[in-house]
Amino acid sequence: MQDDEQAAVEQLQTGDIGGLDLLIRRYQVPAMRAAYLVCRDLALAEDIMQAAFVRAFERIAQFDASRPFGPWFLRSVVNDAVQASRRRQCSVPLDEANELLSNERPELTAEADELRAVIWAALDELQPQQRAAIVLRYYLGFSESEMAAELGCTSGTVKSRLHRARHHLRCLLAPWLYPVEE
């Protein structure tokens, strides 16, 4: 699997756009989801994802082919989504979020739908950089050191962003997680 990816990158680095096909198939959905989780706008997330693939093709000569493509590419997507979120406040109806990010199943209960709405509302309250930290850590599975290296900041900055984001989420979700019994 990694060999196919490396071959696709090498193909791109020789100027053959055909190498982009495998990378698009492999990273289109994770890129779309990562962008959406940060900017919270479906159309904007699609634009970010598409632009990221174009930019990856344009800048592939700068990429070290001995490293995995995914973290390099997804970092670019998340950074673009953070910048887009700073430029504009994103607000997406929860039904659009459900269509994109969940496997709609008939057995989903009203309680699960309510929890999803509460979580989306809590994520909306985070600053874009904090949302990005949550996405990188808990959605994309980056370690704190990988996040620091990919984001070009210190490990302390990453820890601070994660700490603030988790604290804010705990405060926002406390009524749901720890309901007061009547």
N, C-alpha and C. Protein backbone atom coordinates (compact mmCIF):
# COMPACT_ATOMS: atom_id res chain seq x y z
N MET A 1 0.83 -1.19 0.00
CA MET A 1 0.00 0.00 0.00
C MET A 1 0.88 1.25 0.00
N GLN A 2 1.85 1.31 0.90
CA GLN A 2 2.77 2.44 0.96
C GLN A 2 3.60 2.51 -0.31
N ASP A 3 3.96 1.34 -0.88
CA ASP A 3 4.75 1.33 -2.11
C ASP A 3 3.97 1.95 -3.26
N ASP A 4 2.65 1.67 -3.33
CA ASP A 4 1.81 2.27 -4.37
C ASP A 4 1.80 3.79 -4.24
N GLU A 5 1.69 4.25 -3.01
CA GLU A 5 1.67 5.69 -2.75
C GLU A 5 3.00 6.32 -3.14
N GLN A 6 4.09 5.67 -2.77
CA GLN A 6 5.41 6.20 -3.10
C GLN A 6 5.61 6.23 -4.62
N ALA A 7 5.13 5.21 -5.31
CA ALA A 7 5.23 5.18 -6.77
C ALA A 7 4.40 6.31 -7.39
N ALA A 8 3.23 6.58 -6.83
CA ALA A 8 2.39 7.66 -7.33
C ALA A 8 3.07 9.02 -7.14
N VAL A 9 3.70 9.20 -5.99
CA VAL A 9 4.42 10.45 -5.72
C VAL A 9 5.58 10.60 -6.69
N GLU A 10 6.34 9.54 -6.89
CA GLU A 10 7.46 9.59 -7.83
C GLU A 10 6.98 9.89 -9.24
N GLN A 11 5.84 9.32 -9.62
CA GLN A 11 5.25 9.57 -10.93
C GLN A 11 4.91 11.07 -11.07
N LEU A 12 4.33 11.64 -10.03
CA LEU A 12 4.01 13.07 -10.04
C LEU A 12 5.28 13.91 -10.13
N GLN A 13 6.31 13.50 -9.39
CA GLN A 13 7.55 14.28 -9.38
C GLN A 13 8.26 14.27 -10.73
N THR A 14 7.92 13.30 -11.59
CA THR A 14 8.47 13.30 -12.95
C THR A 14 7.60 14.09 -13.91
N GLY A 15 6.49 14.66 -13.37
CA GLY A 15 5.61 15.48 -14.20
C GLY A 15 4.41 14.75 -14.75
N ASP A 16 4.24 13.47 -14.41
CA ASP A 16 3.12 12.67 -14.90
C ASP A 16 1.94 12.83 -13.94
N ILE A 17 0.91 13.53 -14.38
CA ILE A 17 -0.25 13.80 -13.54
C ILE A 17 -1.04 12.53 -13.22
N GLY A 18 -0.79 11.47 -13.93
CA GLY A 18 -1.47 10.20 -13.68
C GLY A 18 -1.27 9.68 -12.26
N GLY A 19 -0.17 10.07 -11.63
CA GLY A 19 0.09 9.64 -10.27
C GLY A 19 -0.90 10.22 -9.27
N LEU A 20 -1.57 11.29 -9.65
CA LEU A 20 -2.52 11.93 -8.75
C LEU A 20 -3.76 11.07 -8.51
N ASP A 21 -4.09 10.20 -9.47
CA ASP A 21 -5.30 9.39 -9.37
C ASP A 21 -5.34 8.56 -8.08
N LEU A 22 -4.28 7.82 -7.79
CA LEU A 22 -4.24 6.99 -6.58
C LEU A 22 -4.34 7.86 -5.33
N LEU A 23 -3.64 8.98 -5.33
CA LEU A 23 -3.64 9.86 -4.15
C LEU A 23 -5.02 10.46 -3.92
N ILE A 24 -5.71 10.81 -4.97
CA ILE A 24 -7.07 11.34 -4.83
C ILE A 24 -7.99 10.26 -4.27
N ARG A 25 -7.91 9.05 -4.84
CA ARG A 25 -8.76 7.96 -4.34
C ARG A 25 -8.49 7.69 -2.85
N ARG A 26 -7.25 7.76 -2.44
CA ARG A 26 -6.87 7.44 -1.07
C ARG A 26 -7.19 8.56 -0.09
N TYR A 27 -7.04 9.81 -0.51
CA TYR A 27 -7.12 10.92 0.45
C TYR A 27 -8.29 11.88 0.25
N GLN A 28 -9.13 11.65 -0.74
CA GLN A 28 -10.24 12.56 -0.98
C GLN A 28 -11.21 12.61 0.22
N VAL A 29 -11.63 11.47 0.71
CA VAL A 29 -12.59 11.45 1.81
C VAL A 29 -11.95 11.97 3.11
N PRO A 30 -10.75 11.50 3.50
CA PRO A 30 -10.15 12.07 4.72
C PRO A 30 -9.91 13.58 4.61
N ALA A 31 -9.52 14.05 3.44
CA ALA A 31 -9.29 15.49 3.26
C ALA A 31 -10.60 16.27 3.38
N MET A 32 -11.64 15.76 2.77
CA MET A 32 -12.94 16.43 2.83
C MET A 32 -13.43 16.48 4.27
N ARG A 33 -13.33 15.38 4.97
CA ARG A 33 -13.79 15.34 6.35
C ARG A 33 -12.96 16.24 7.25
N ALA A 34 -11.65 16.22 7.08
CA ALA A 34 -10.79 17.07 7.90
C ALA A 34 -11.11 18.54 7.67
N ALA A 35 -11.25 18.93 6.40
CA ALA A 35 -11.57 20.33 6.09
C ALA A 35 -12.93 20.70 6.68
N TYR A 36 -13.90 19.82 6.54
CA TYR A 36 -15.23 20.11 7.06
C TYR A 36 -15.23 20.22 8.58
N LEU A 37 -14.52 19.32 9.24
CA LEU A 37 -14.49 19.35 10.70
C LEU A 37 -13.91 20.66 11.23
N VAL A 38 -13.00 21.26 10.47
CA VAL A 38 -12.39 22.52 10.91
C VAL A 38 -13.24 23.71 10.51
N CYS A 39 -13.65 23.80 9.24
CA CYS A 39 -14.33 25.01 8.78
C CYS A 39 -15.84 24.95 8.93
N ARG A 40 -16.40 23.75 8.99
CA ARG A 40 -17.83 23.55 9.23
C ARG A 40 -18.72 24.09 8.12
N ASP A 41 -18.21 24.13 6.90
CA ASP A 41 -18.98 24.58 5.74
C ASP A 41 -18.72 23.58 4.62
N LEU A 42 -19.76 22.89 4.18
CA LEU A 42 -19.62 21.81 3.22
C LEU A 42 -19.02 22.27 1.89
N ALA A 43 -19.55 23.36 1.34
CA ALA A 43 -19.04 23.86 0.06
C ALA A 43 -17.60 24.35 0.19
N LEU A 44 -17.31 25.04 1.26
CA LEU A 44 -15.95 25.53 1.49
C LEU A 44 -14.99 24.37 1.67
N ALA A 45 -15.40 23.35 2.40
CA ALA A 45 -14.55 22.17 2.61
C ALA A 45 -14.22 21.50 1.27
N GLU A 46 -15.20 21.42 0.39
CA GLU A 46 -14.96 20.82 -0.93
C GLU A 46 -13.96 21.66 -1.72
N ASP A 47 -14.12 22.98 -1.68
CA ASP A 47 -13.17 23.87 -2.36
C ASP A 47 -11.75 23.71 -1.80
N ILE A 48 -11.65 23.63 -0.49
CA ILE A 48 -10.35 23.47 0.17
C ILE A 48 -9.70 22.16 -0.27
N MET A 49 -10.49 21.09 -0.26
CA MET A 49 -9.96 19.78 -0.63
C MET A 49 -9.47 19.78 -2.08
N GLN A 50 -10.27 20.32 -2.99
CA GLN A 50 -9.88 20.34 -4.40
C GLN A 50 -8.63 21.20 -4.61
N ALA A 51 -8.59 22.35 -3.98
CA ALA A 51 -7.43 23.23 -4.12
C ALA A 51 -6.18 22.57 -3.54
N ALA A 52 -6.35 21.78 -2.48
CA ALA A 52 -5.20 21.11 -1.87
C ALA A 52 -4.59 20.09 -2.83
N PHE A 53 -5.41 19.38 -3.58
CA PHE A 53 -4.87 18.43 -4.56
C PHE A 53 -4.13 19.15 -5.68
N VAL A 54 -4.69 20.26 -6.14
CA VAL A 54 -4.01 21.05 -7.18
C VAL A 54 -2.67 21.56 -6.66
N ARG A 55 -2.68 22.09 -5.45
CA ARG A 55 -1.45 22.62 -4.87
C ARG A 55 -0.43 21.50 -4.61
N ALA A 56 -0.91 20.33 -4.21
CA ALA A 56 0.01 19.20 -4.00
C ALA A 56 0.70 18.85 -5.31
N PHE A 57 -0.04 18.86 -6.40
CA PHE A 57 0.56 18.59 -7.70
C PHE A 57 1.58 19.67 -8.06
N GLU A 58 1.23 20.92 -7.82
CA GLU A 58 2.13 22.03 -8.15
C GLU A 58 3.40 22.02 -7.30
N ARG A 59 3.30 21.55 -6.05
CA ARG A 59 4.42 21.61 -5.12
C ARG A 59 5.05 20.25 -4.83
N ILE A 60 4.72 19.25 -5.61
CA ILE A 60 5.19 17.90 -5.31
C ILE A 60 6.72 17.81 -5.39
N ALA A 61 7.34 18.69 -6.12
CA ALA A 61 8.81 18.67 -6.20
C ALA A 61 9.44 19.00 -4.85
N GLN A 62 8.74 19.72 -4.00
CA GLN A 62 9.24 20.09 -2.67
C GLN A 62 9.04 18.96 -1.65
N PHE A 63 8.27 17.96 -2.03
CA PHE A 63 7.94 16.88 -1.10
C PHE A 63 9.06 15.84 -1.07
N ASP A 64 9.41 15.40 0.12
CA ASP A 64 10.41 14.34 0.32
C ASP A 64 9.72 13.00 0.14
N ALA A 65 9.98 12.34 -0.98
CA ALA A 65 9.29 11.10 -1.34
C ALA A 65 9.59 9.95 -0.39
N SER A 66 10.57 10.10 0.47
CA SER A 66 10.85 9.02 1.44
C SER A 66 9.90 9.09 2.63
N ARG A 67 9.14 10.17 2.74
CA ARG A 67 8.19 10.33 3.85
C ARG A 67 6.78 10.00 3.36
N PRO A 68 5.87 9.69 4.28
CA PRO A 68 4.49 9.40 3.87
C PRO A 68 3.81 10.66 3.33
N PHE A 69 3.03 10.48 2.29
CA PHE A 69 2.33 11.59 1.65
C PHE A 69 1.17 12.10 2.52
N GLY A 70 0.44 11.19 3.16
CA GLY A 70 -0.77 11.54 3.88
C GLY A 70 -0.62 12.66 4.89
N PRO A 71 0.30 12.55 5.85
CA PRO A 71 0.43 13.63 6.84
C PRO A 71 0.78 14.98 6.21
N TRP A 72 1.65 14.96 5.20
CA TRP A 72 2.03 16.20 4.51
C TRP A 72 0.81 16.83 3.85
N PHE A 73 0.05 16.02 3.16
CA PHE A 73 -1.12 16.51 2.44
C PHE A 73 -2.22 16.96 3.40
N LEU A 74 -2.53 16.15 4.39
CA LEU A 74 -3.62 16.48 5.32
C LEU A 74 -3.28 17.70 6.17
N ARG A 75 -1.99 17.89 6.48
CA ARG A 75 -1.59 19.09 7.20
C ARG A 75 -1.92 20.32 6.37
N SER A 76 -1.68 20.24 5.08
CA SER A 76 -2.00 21.35 4.18
C SER A 76 -3.50 21.62 4.17
N VAL A 77 -4.30 20.56 4.14
CA VAL A 77 -5.75 20.71 4.14
C VAL A 77 -6.22 21.38 5.43
N VAL A 78 -5.72 20.91 6.57
CA VAL A 78 -6.13 21.47 7.86
C VAL A 78 -5.68 22.93 7.97
N ASN A 79 -4.47 23.23 7.55
CA ASN A 79 -3.99 24.63 7.60
C ASN A 79 -4.87 25.54 6.75
N ASP A 80 -5.23 25.08 5.54
CA ASP A 80 -6.09 25.87 4.67
C ASP A 80 -7.47 26.07 5.30
N ALA A 81 -7.98 25.04 5.94
CA ALA A 81 -9.29 25.15 6.59
C ALA A 81 -9.25 26.13 7.76
N VAL A 82 -8.16 26.11 8.52
CA VAL A 82 -8.01 27.07 9.62
C VAL A 82 -7.99 28.49 9.07
N GLN A 83 -7.21 28.71 8.02
CA GLN A 83 -7.14 30.05 7.42
C GLN A 83 -8.50 30.49 6.88
N ALA A 84 -9.22 29.58 6.23
CA ALA A 84 -10.54 29.90 5.69
C ALA A 84 -11.51 30.23 6.83
N SER A 85 -11.40 29.51 7.93
CA SER A 85 -12.28 29.75 9.07
C SER A 85 -12.01 31.11 9.69
N ARG A 86 -10.77 31.50 9.69
CA ARG A 86 -10.43 32.82 10.22
C ARG A 86 -11.02 33.92 9.35
N ARG A 87 -11.04 33.68 8.04
CA ARG A 87 -11.54 34.70 7.12
C ARG A 87 -13.06 34.82 7.16
N ARG A 88 -13.70 33.73 7.52
CA ARG A 88 -15.16 33.78 7.49
C ARG A 88 -15.73 32.86 8.56
N GLN A 89 -16.78 33.27 9.17
CA GLN A 89 -17.44 32.45 10.18
C GLN A 89 -18.25 31.39 9.45
N CYS A 90 -18.01 30.14 9.81
CA CYS A 90 -18.70 29.04 9.15
C CYS A 90 -19.88 28.59 9.99
N SER A 91 -20.98 28.37 9.36
CA SER A 91 -22.16 27.86 10.04
C SER A 91 -22.88 26.92 9.09
N VAL A 92 -23.02 25.67 9.49
CA VAL A 92 -23.63 24.67 8.64
C VAL A 92 -24.76 23.99 9.41
N PRO A 93 -25.92 23.86 8.79
CA PRO A 93 -27.00 23.14 9.46
C PRO A 93 -26.56 21.72 9.80
N LEU A 94 -27.01 21.23 10.94
CA LEU A 94 -26.59 19.91 11.39
C LEU A 94 -27.02 18.80 10.45
N ASP A 95 -28.10 18.98 9.70
CA ASP A 95 -28.51 17.92 8.81
C ASP A 95 -27.48 17.71 7.69
N GLU A 96 -26.82 18.77 7.22
CA GLU A 96 -25.75 18.61 6.24
C GLU A 96 -24.57 17.88 6.85
N ALA A 97 -24.24 18.20 8.08
CA ALA A 97 -23.14 17.53 8.77
C ALA A 97 -23.43 16.04 8.90
N ASN A 98 -24.65 15.71 9.25
CA ASN A 98 -25.02 14.30 9.40
C ASN A 98 -24.88 13.55 8.08
N GLU A 99 -25.28 14.18 6.96
CA GLU A 99 -25.17 13.53 5.66
C GLU A 99 -23.72 13.22 5.33
N LEU A 100 -22.82 14.13 5.64
CA LEU A 100 -21.42 13.94 5.29
C LEU A 100 -20.70 13.01 6.24
N LEU A 101 -20.89 13.16 7.52
CA LEU A 101 -20.01 12.53 8.50
C LEU A 101 -20.57 11.30 9.20
N SER A 102 -21.79 10.96 8.99
CA SER A 102 -22.30 9.80 9.70
C SER A 102 -22.85 8.78 8.73
N ASN A 103 -22.87 7.55 9.16
CA ASN A 103 -23.52 6.51 8.40
C ASN A 103 -24.96 6.48 8.88
N GLU A 104 -25.83 7.12 8.14
CA GLU A 104 -27.22 7.19 8.57
C GLU A 104 -27.79 5.78 8.63
N ARG A 105 -28.27 5.42 9.79
CA ARG A 105 -28.85 4.09 10.00
C ARG A 105 -30.19 4.28 10.68
N PRO A 106 -31.16 3.47 10.30
CA PRO A 106 -32.49 3.61 10.89
C PRO A 106 -32.50 3.40 12.40
N GLU A 107 -31.57 2.61 12.92
CA GLU A 107 -31.58 2.32 14.35
C GLU A 107 -31.01 3.45 15.21
N LEU A 108 -30.55 4.54 14.57
CA LEU A 108 -30.08 5.68 15.37
C LEU A 108 -31.25 6.23 16.16
N THR A 109 -31.04 6.44 17.41
CA THR A 109 -32.11 6.93 18.27
C THR A 109 -32.12 8.43 18.32
N ALA A 110 -33.20 8.96 18.85
CA ALA A 110 -33.30 10.41 19.04
C ALA A 110 -32.21 10.90 19.98
N GLU A 111 -31.86 10.08 20.95
CA GLU A 111 -30.80 10.45 21.89
C GLU A 111 -29.46 10.61 21.19
N ALA A 112 -29.16 9.70 20.26
CA ALA A 112 -27.90 9.79 19.51
C ALA A 112 -27.89 11.04 18.63
N ASP A 113 -29.02 11.35 18.02
CA ASP A 113 -29.12 12.56 17.21
C ASP A 113 -28.94 13.81 18.08
N GLU A 114 -29.52 13.78 19.27
CA GLU A 114 -29.38 14.91 20.18
C GLU A 114 -27.93 15.08 20.62
N LEU A 115 -27.26 13.96 20.92
CA LEU A 115 -25.85 14.02 21.31
C LEU A 115 -25.00 14.58 20.17
N ARG A 116 -25.27 14.16 18.96
CA ARG A 116 -24.53 14.66 17.80
C ARG A 116 -24.71 16.17 17.70
N ALA A 117 -25.93 16.64 17.87
CA ALA A 117 -26.20 18.08 17.80
C ALA A 117 -25.45 18.84 18.90
N VAL A 118 -25.42 18.27 20.09
CA VAL A 118 -24.72 18.90 21.21
C VAL A 118 -23.22 18.97 20.92
N ILE A 119 -22.66 17.89 20.39
CA ILE A 119 -21.22 17.87 20.07
C ILE A 119 -20.89 18.87 18.98
N TRP A 120 -21.72 18.93 17.93
CA TRP A 120 -21.46 19.90 16.85
C TRP A 120 -21.52 21.32 17.39
N ALA A 121 -22.49 21.58 18.23
CA ALA A 121 -22.61 22.92 18.80
C ALA A 121 -21.38 23.25 19.65
N ALA A 122 -20.89 22.27 20.41
CA ALA A 122 -19.69 22.49 21.23
C ALA A 122 -18.48 22.74 20.34
N LEU A 123 -18.32 21.97 19.27
CA LEU A 123 -17.19 22.18 18.36
C LEU A 123 -17.25 23.55 17.70
N ASP A 124 -18.46 24.01 17.42
CA ASP A 124 -18.63 25.35 16.83
C ASP A 124 -18.11 26.44 17.75
N GLU A 125 -18.11 26.19 19.04
CA GLU A 125 -17.67 27.18 20.02
C GLU A 125 -16.14 27.31 20.09
N LEU A 126 -15.43 26.31 19.57
CA LEU A 126 -13.96 26.34 19.62
C LEU A 126 -13.42 27.32 18.58
N GLN A 127 -12.25 27.87 18.86
CA GLN A 127 -11.54 28.68 17.88
C GLN A 127 -11.04 27.74 16.78
N PRO A 128 -10.87 28.23 15.54
CA PRO A 128 -10.42 27.36 14.45
C PRO A 128 -9.14 26.59 14.77
N GLN A 129 -8.16 27.22 15.43
CA GLN A 129 -6.92 26.51 15.75
C GLN A 129 -7.16 25.40 16.75
N GLN A 130 -8.08 25.61 17.67
CA GLN A 130 -8.41 24.56 18.63
C GLN A 130 -9.15 23.42 17.94
N ARG A 131 -10.08 23.76 17.04
CA ARG A 131 -10.78 22.72 16.26
C ARG A 131 -9.77 21.93 15.45
N ALA A 132 -8.80 22.63 14.85
CA ALA A 132 -7.77 21.95 14.05
C ALA A 132 -6.97 20.99 14.93
N ALA A 133 -6.64 21.41 16.13
CA ALA A 133 -5.89 20.54 17.04
C ALA A 133 -6.70 19.29 17.37
N ILE A 134 -7.98 19.45 17.63
CA ILE A 134 -8.86 18.31 17.92
C ILE A 134 -8.93 17.39 16.71
N VAL A 135 -9.07 17.95 15.51
CA VAL A 135 -9.15 17.14 14.29
C VAL A 135 -7.84 16.37 14.08
N LEU A 136 -6.71 17.06 14.18
CA LEU A 136 -5.43 16.38 13.96
C LEU A 136 -5.21 15.26 14.98
N ARG A 137 -5.53 15.53 16.22
CA ARG A 137 -5.25 14.55 17.28
C ARG A 137 -6.24 13.40 17.28
N TYR A 138 -7.53 13.72 17.29
CA TYR A 138 -8.54 12.70 17.52
C TYR A 138 -9.19 12.16 16.26
N TYR A 139 -9.12 12.91 15.16
CA TYR A 139 -9.68 12.40 13.92
C TYR A 139 -8.59 11.78 13.04
N LEU A 140 -7.47 12.50 12.89
CA LEU A 140 -6.41 12.00 12.03
C LEU A 140 -5.38 11.17 12.78
N GLY A 141 -5.42 11.18 14.12
CA GLY A 141 -4.57 10.31 14.91
C GLY A 141 -3.12 10.76 15.03
N PHE A 142 -2.84 12.04 14.81
CA PHE A 142 -1.47 12.53 14.95
C PHE A 142 -1.09 12.54 16.42
N SER A 143 0.16 12.21 16.72
CA SER A 143 0.68 12.38 18.08
C SER A 143 0.98 13.86 18.28
N GLU A 144 1.20 14.25 19.53
CA GLU A 144 1.50 15.65 19.80
C GLU A 144 2.80 16.08 19.11
N SER A 145 3.80 15.19 19.11
CA SER A 145 5.06 15.54 18.44
C SER A 145 4.88 15.64 16.92
N GLU A 146 4.06 14.76 16.35
CA GLU A 146 3.78 14.84 14.90
C GLU A 146 3.03 16.13 14.58
N MET A 147 2.10 16.49 15.45
CA MET A 147 1.35 17.73 15.24
C MET A 147 2.29 18.93 15.27
N ALA A 148 3.19 18.95 16.23
CA ALA A 148 4.14 20.06 16.35
C ALA A 148 5.01 20.16 15.10
N ALA A 149 5.51 19.01 14.65
CA ALA A 149 6.37 19.00 13.45
C ALA A 149 5.58 19.44 12.22
N GLU A 150 4.38 18.95 12.07
CA GLU A 150 3.59 19.26 10.89
C GLU A 150 3.06 20.69 10.89
N LEU A 151 2.74 21.21 12.07
CA LEU A 151 2.19 22.57 12.16
C LEU A 151 3.27 23.64 12.30
N GLY A 152 4.51 23.20 12.49
CA GLY A 152 5.60 24.16 12.62
C GLY A 152 5.52 24.97 13.90
N CYS A 153 5.09 24.33 14.98
CA CYS A 153 5.04 25.01 16.26
C CYS A 153 5.66 24.09 17.31
N THR A 154 5.77 24.59 18.51
CA THR A 154 6.38 23.78 19.56
C THR A 154 5.39 22.77 20.11
N SER A 155 5.93 21.76 20.75
CA SER A 155 5.10 20.75 21.41
C SER A 155 4.25 21.42 22.49
N GLY A 156 4.82 22.42 23.16
CA GLY A 156 4.08 23.14 24.19
C GLY A 156 2.86 23.86 23.63
N THR A 157 3.00 24.44 22.42
CA THR A 157 1.87 25.11 21.78
C THR A 157 0.77 24.11 21.46
N VAL A 158 1.17 22.94 20.95
CA VAL A 158 0.20 21.89 20.64
C VAL A 158 -0.52 21.46 21.91
N LYS A 159 0.24 21.21 22.96
CA LYS A 159 -0.36 20.79 24.22
C LYS A 159 -1.31 21.85 24.76
N SER A 160 -0.92 23.10 24.63
CA SER A 160 -1.76 24.20 25.11
C SER A 160 -3.07 24.26 24.33
N ARG A 161 -2.99 24.16 23.00
CA ARG A 161 -4.20 24.19 22.18
C ARG A 161 -5.12 23.02 22.52
N LEU A 162 -4.54 21.83 22.66
CA LEU A 162 -5.34 20.66 23.00
C LEU A 162 -5.96 20.81 24.39
N HIS A 163 -5.16 21.30 25.33
CA HIS A 163 -5.66 21.47 26.69
C HIS A 163 -6.83 22.44 26.72
N ARG A 164 -6.66 23.59 26.07
CA ARG A 164 -7.74 24.59 26.05
C ARG A 164 -8.98 24.05 25.34
N ALA A 165 -8.77 23.35 24.23
CA ALA A 165 -9.91 22.81 23.48
C ALA A 165 -10.65 21.76 24.31
N ARG A 166 -9.91 20.85 24.93
CA ARG A 166 -10.55 19.80 25.75
C ARG A 166 -11.28 20.42 26.94
N HIS A 167 -10.65 21.41 27.58
CA HIS A 167 -11.28 22.07 28.73
C HIS A 167 -12.58 22.75 28.30
N HIS A 168 -12.51 23.46 27.19
CA HIS A 168 -13.70 24.15 26.69
C HIS A 168 -14.80 23.14 26.34
N LEU A 169 -14.41 22.04 25.69
CA LEU A 169 -15.41 21.02 25.35
C LEU A 169 -16.01 20.39 26.61
N ARG A 170 -15.16 20.12 27.62
CA ARG A 170 -15.67 19.55 28.88
C ARG A 170 -16.70 20.48 29.51
N CYS A 171 -16.40 21.77 29.53
CA CYS A 171 -17.34 22.74 30.11
C CYS A 171 -18.65 22.77 29.32
N LEU A 172 -18.53 22.78 28.01
CA LEU A 172 -19.72 22.86 27.17
C LEU A 172 -20.56 21.58 27.23
N LEU A 173 -19.88 20.45 27.36
CA LEU A 173 -20.59 19.17 27.34
C LEU A 173 -20.96 18.65 28.72
N ALA A 174 -20.52 19.35 29.78
CA ALA A 174 -20.78 18.88 31.15
C ALA A 174 -22.27 18.63 31.42
N PRO A 175 -23.17 19.53 31.01
CA PRO A 175 -24.58 19.26 31.30
C PRO A 175 -25.08 17.96 30.64
N TRP A 176 -24.53 17.64 29.50
CA TRP A 176 -24.92 16.42 28.80
C TRP A 176 -24.27 15.19 29.43
N LEU A 177 -23.00 15.32 29.76
CA LEU A 177 -22.26 14.19 30.30
C LEU A 177 -22.59 13.88 31.75
N TYR A 178 -22.88 14.94 32.51
CA TYR A 178 -23.15 14.79 33.93
C TYR A 178 -24.49 15.45 34.27
N PRO A 179 -25.59 14.89 33.79
CA PRO A 179 -26.89 15.53 34.03
C PRO A 179 -27.24 15.52 35.52
N VAL A 180 -27.90 16.57 35.92
CA VAL A 180 -28.37 16.68 37.29
C VAL A 180 -29.70 15.94 37.36
N GLU A 181 -29.76 14.97 38.26
CA GLU A 181 -30.99 14.18 38.40
C GLU A 181 -32.00 14.97 39.19
N GLU A 182 -33.22 14.94 38.75
CA GLU A 182 -34.28 15.68 39.43
C GLU A 182 -34.96 14.85 40.47
